[in-house]
Amino acid sequence: MYNPGCHQALDLRPLLTVALCVTLGALERKESRGGHTREDYPKTDPDLGKVNVVLRMRGDDLMVEQEPIPVMPDDLRELVES
């Protein structure tokens, strides 16, 4: 039988993990860009526009890292710029 309370309890840990990842990623990006604004960092940072904020589990720890954005292929760049 469908038990919504049981399903909610099973979903709680992954939901909390996603909420933590979103929060840590937002705190790492110390700038405002597009719809993501921060009152304490109202301007864009050109250096942060060149990286992705990535969160990964390393053992039992959640690590926040910055990785360079992959280079866009020329044919895709032409589509975006047109």
N, C-alpha and C. Protein backbone atom coordinates (compact mmCIF):
# COMPACT_ATOMS: atom_id res chain seq x y z
N MET A 1 0.84 -1.17 0.00
CA MET A 1 0.00 0.00 0.00
C MET A 1 0.90 1.26 0.00
N TYR A 2 0.48 2.26 -0.69
CA TYR A 2 1.24 3.51 -0.76
C TYR A 2 1.22 4.20 0.59
N ASN A 3 2.39 4.54 1.08
CA ASN A 3 2.52 5.20 2.37
C ASN A 3 3.33 6.48 2.18
N PRO A 4 2.66 7.64 2.07
CA PRO A 4 3.40 8.88 1.78
C PRO A 4 4.41 9.23 2.87
N GLY A 5 4.12 8.94 4.11
CA GLY A 5 5.07 9.24 5.19
C GLY A 5 6.35 8.44 5.05
N CYS A 6 6.22 7.17 4.67
CA CYS A 6 7.39 6.32 4.48
C CYS A 6 8.23 6.82 3.31
N HIS A 7 7.57 7.17 2.21
CA HIS A 7 8.29 7.67 1.04
C HIS A 7 8.98 9.00 1.34
N GLN A 8 8.34 9.84 2.11
CA GLN A 8 8.95 11.11 2.48
C GLN A 8 10.18 10.86 3.35
N ALA A 9 10.09 9.91 4.27
CA ALA A 9 11.24 9.59 5.12
C ALA A 9 12.40 9.04 4.28
N LEU A 10 12.10 8.22 3.28
CA LEU A 10 13.15 7.68 2.41
C LEU A 10 13.78 8.77 1.54
N ASP A 11 13.01 9.77 1.16
CA ASP A 11 13.51 10.86 0.31
C ASP A 11 14.24 11.94 1.09
N LEU A 12 14.12 11.97 2.39
CA LEU A 12 14.64 13.09 3.18
C LEU A 12 16.15 13.24 3.07
N ARG A 13 16.91 12.16 3.21
CA ARG A 13 18.38 12.27 3.15
C ARG A 13 18.86 12.82 1.81
N PRO A 14 18.39 12.30 0.66
CA PRO A 14 18.83 12.89 -0.61
C PRO A 14 18.39 14.35 -0.77
N LEU A 15 17.20 14.69 -0.29
CA LEU A 15 16.74 16.08 -0.38
C LEU A 15 17.63 17.01 0.44
N LEU A 16 18.01 16.57 1.62
CA LEU A 16 18.90 17.39 2.46
C LEU A 16 20.29 17.51 1.83
N THR A 17 20.77 16.44 1.19
CA THR A 17 22.07 16.49 0.52
C THR A 17 22.04 17.50 -0.63
N VAL A 18 20.98 17.49 -1.42
CA VAL A 18 20.85 18.45 -2.53
C VAL A 18 20.76 19.88 -1.98
N ALA A 19 20.00 20.07 -0.91
CA ALA A 19 19.90 21.41 -0.32
C ALA A 19 21.26 21.90 0.17
N LEU A 20 22.04 21.02 0.78
CA LEU A 20 23.38 21.39 1.23
C LEU A 20 24.28 21.73 0.05
N CYS A 21 24.21 20.96 -1.03
CA CYS A 21 25.03 21.23 -2.21
C CYS A 21 24.68 22.58 -2.83
N VAL A 22 23.40 22.87 -2.95
CA VAL A 22 22.96 24.15 -3.53
C VAL A 22 23.46 25.30 -2.66
N THR A 23 23.36 25.16 -1.34
CA THR A 23 23.78 26.22 -0.43
C THR A 23 25.29 26.42 -0.49
N LEU A 24 26.07 25.34 -0.46
CA LEU A 24 27.53 25.47 -0.51
C LEU A 24 27.98 26.05 -1.85
N GLY A 25 27.33 25.64 -2.94
CA GLY A 25 27.67 26.19 -4.25
C GLY A 25 27.37 27.68 -4.33
N ALA A 26 26.24 28.10 -3.76
CA ALA A 26 25.88 29.52 -3.76
C ALA A 26 26.86 30.34 -2.93
N LEU A 27 27.29 29.80 -1.81
CA LEU A 27 28.24 30.53 -0.97
C LEU A 27 29.62 30.62 -1.62
N GLU A 28 29.97 29.63 -2.42
CA GLU A 28 31.28 29.63 -3.09
C GLU A 28 31.35 30.71 -4.17
N ARG A 29 30.24 30.97 -4.84
CA ARG A 29 30.22 31.95 -5.92
C ARG A 29 29.99 33.33 -5.34
N LYS A 30 31.06 34.05 -5.10
CA LYS A 30 31.00 35.35 -4.45
C LYS A 30 30.83 36.46 -5.49
N GLU A 31 29.67 36.45 -6.13
CA GLU A 31 29.33 37.42 -7.16
C GLU A 31 27.84 37.36 -7.41
N SER A 32 27.35 38.28 -8.22
CA SER A 32 25.98 38.24 -8.72
C SER A 32 26.06 38.02 -10.22
N ARG A 33 25.25 37.09 -10.71
CA ARG A 33 25.27 36.78 -12.15
C ARG A 33 23.88 36.31 -12.54
N GLY A 34 23.28 36.95 -13.53
CA GLY A 34 21.96 36.55 -14.00
C GLY A 34 20.94 36.61 -12.88
N GLY A 35 20.20 35.52 -12.70
CA GLY A 35 19.17 35.46 -11.66
C GLY A 35 19.74 35.13 -10.29
N HIS A 36 21.03 34.87 -10.22
CA HIS A 36 21.68 34.53 -8.95
C HIS A 36 22.36 35.77 -8.39
N THR A 37 21.69 36.44 -7.48
CA THR A 37 22.22 37.69 -6.94
C THR A 37 22.53 37.54 -5.46
N ARG A 38 23.52 38.29 -5.04
CA ARG A 38 23.89 38.36 -3.63
C ARG A 38 24.05 39.82 -3.25
N GLU A 39 23.45 40.21 -2.15
CA GLU A 39 23.57 41.59 -1.70
C GLU A 39 24.99 41.92 -1.27
N ASP A 40 25.72 40.92 -0.74
CA ASP A 40 27.08 41.17 -0.28
C ASP A 40 28.10 41.16 -1.42
N TYR A 41 27.73 40.66 -2.60
CA TYR A 41 28.58 40.68 -3.78
C TYR A 41 27.72 41.10 -4.98
N PRO A 42 27.44 42.40 -5.13
CA PRO A 42 26.49 42.84 -6.16
C PRO A 42 27.03 42.82 -7.59
N LYS A 43 28.34 42.70 -7.77
CA LYS A 43 28.92 42.77 -9.12
C LYS A 43 29.34 41.38 -9.59
N THR A 44 29.51 41.26 -10.93
CA THR A 44 30.01 40.00 -11.48
C THR A 44 31.53 39.95 -11.35
N ASP A 45 32.05 38.76 -11.24
CA ASP A 45 33.49 38.53 -11.19
C ASP A 45 33.88 37.81 -12.46
N PRO A 46 34.64 38.44 -13.35
CA PRO A 46 34.97 37.80 -14.62
C PRO A 46 35.70 36.47 -14.45
N ASP A 47 36.49 36.33 -13.39
CA ASP A 47 37.21 35.08 -13.17
C ASP A 47 36.24 33.94 -12.82
N LEU A 48 35.20 34.23 -12.05
CA LEU A 48 34.22 33.19 -11.71
C LEU A 48 33.35 32.83 -12.91
N GLY A 49 33.29 33.68 -13.91
CA GLY A 49 32.56 33.37 -15.13
C GLY A 49 33.27 32.34 -15.99
N LYS A 50 34.50 31.98 -15.62
CA LYS A 50 35.30 31.02 -16.39
C LYS A 50 35.35 29.64 -15.74
N VAL A 51 34.66 29.48 -14.60
CA VAL A 51 34.72 28.20 -13.89
C VAL A 51 33.32 27.70 -13.54
N ASN A 52 33.23 26.39 -13.33
CA ASN A 52 32.04 25.77 -12.76
C ASN A 52 32.34 25.44 -11.31
N VAL A 53 31.39 25.67 -10.44
CA VAL A 53 31.51 25.25 -9.05
C VAL A 53 30.98 23.82 -8.99
N VAL A 54 31.83 22.89 -8.55
CA VAL A 54 31.49 21.47 -8.55
C VAL A 54 31.60 20.95 -7.13
N LEU A 55 30.61 20.15 -6.72
CA LEU A 55 30.64 19.52 -5.40
C LEU A 55 30.72 18.02 -5.59
N ARG A 56 31.65 17.39 -4.84
CA ARG A 56 31.85 15.95 -4.94
C ARG A 56 32.05 15.37 -3.55
N MET A 57 31.62 14.12 -3.41
CA MET A 57 31.90 13.41 -2.17
C MET A 57 33.31 12.84 -2.25
N ARG A 58 34.12 13.10 -1.26
CA ARG A 58 35.46 12.53 -1.12
C ARG A 58 35.45 11.78 0.21
N GLY A 59 35.21 10.47 0.13
CA GLY A 59 35.03 9.70 1.35
C GLY A 59 33.71 10.12 1.99
N ASP A 60 33.78 10.61 3.21
CA ASP A 60 32.58 11.08 3.90
C ASP A 60 32.41 12.60 3.83
N ASP A 61 33.32 13.28 3.13
CA ASP A 61 33.31 14.74 3.08
C ASP A 61 32.79 15.24 1.75
N LEU A 62 32.04 16.31 1.80
CA LEU A 62 31.55 16.99 0.61
C LEU A 62 32.55 18.10 0.28
N MET A 63 33.17 18.02 -0.89
CA MET A 63 34.21 18.97 -1.28
C MET A 63 33.67 19.94 -2.34
N VAL A 64 33.98 21.22 -2.16
CA VAL A 64 33.61 22.26 -3.11
C VAL A 64 34.85 22.60 -3.92
N GLU A 65 34.75 22.50 -5.24
CA GLU A 65 35.89 22.76 -6.11
C GLU A 65 35.45 23.65 -7.27
N GLN A 66 36.43 24.32 -7.86
CA GLN A 66 36.17 25.10 -9.06
C GLN A 66 36.94 24.45 -10.20
N GLU A 67 36.24 24.20 -11.31
CA GLU A 67 36.86 23.60 -12.49
C GLU A 67 36.65 24.51 -13.68
N PRO A 68 37.66 24.63 -14.55
CA PRO A 68 37.49 25.47 -15.74
C PRO A 68 36.33 24.98 -16.60
N ILE A 69 35.60 25.93 -17.17
CA ILE A 69 34.52 25.59 -18.08
C ILE A 69 35.14 25.03 -19.36
N PRO A 70 34.65 23.87 -19.84
CA PRO A 70 35.22 23.31 -21.08
C PRO A 70 35.06 24.28 -22.25
N VAL A 71 35.99 24.23 -23.16
CA VAL A 71 35.95 25.09 -24.34
C VAL A 71 34.77 24.67 -25.22
N MET A 72 34.00 25.65 -25.67
CA MET A 72 32.84 25.38 -26.52
C MET A 72 33.32 25.10 -27.94
N PRO A 73 32.81 24.02 -28.55
CA PRO A 73 33.19 23.75 -29.95
C PRO A 73 32.79 24.91 -30.86
N ASP A 74 33.57 25.11 -31.92
CA ASP A 74 33.35 26.24 -32.82
C ASP A 74 31.95 26.25 -33.43
N ASP A 75 31.45 25.07 -33.84
CA ASP A 75 30.13 25.05 -34.47
C ASP A 75 29.03 25.44 -33.49
N LEU A 76 29.17 25.06 -32.23
CA LEU A 76 28.18 25.44 -31.22
C LEU A 76 28.31 26.93 -30.89
N ARG A 77 29.54 27.43 -30.84
CA ARG A 77 29.75 28.85 -30.57
C ARG A 77 29.09 29.72 -31.65
N GLU A 78 29.19 29.29 -32.90
CA GLU A 78 28.56 30.03 -33.99
C GLU A 78 27.05 30.10 -33.81
N LEU A 79 26.44 29.00 -33.38
CA LEU A 79 25.00 28.99 -33.14
C LEU A 79 24.62 29.92 -32.01
N VAL A 80 25.39 29.91 -30.94
CA VAL A 80 25.09 30.74 -29.78
C VAL A 80 25.25 32.21 -30.10
N GLU A 81 26.28 32.54 -30.85
CA GLU A 81 26.56 33.95 -31.15
C GLU A 81 25.66 34.52 -32.22
N SER A 82 24.98 33.69 -32.99
CA SER A 82 24.13 34.21 -34.07
C SER A 82 22.75 34.59 -33.58
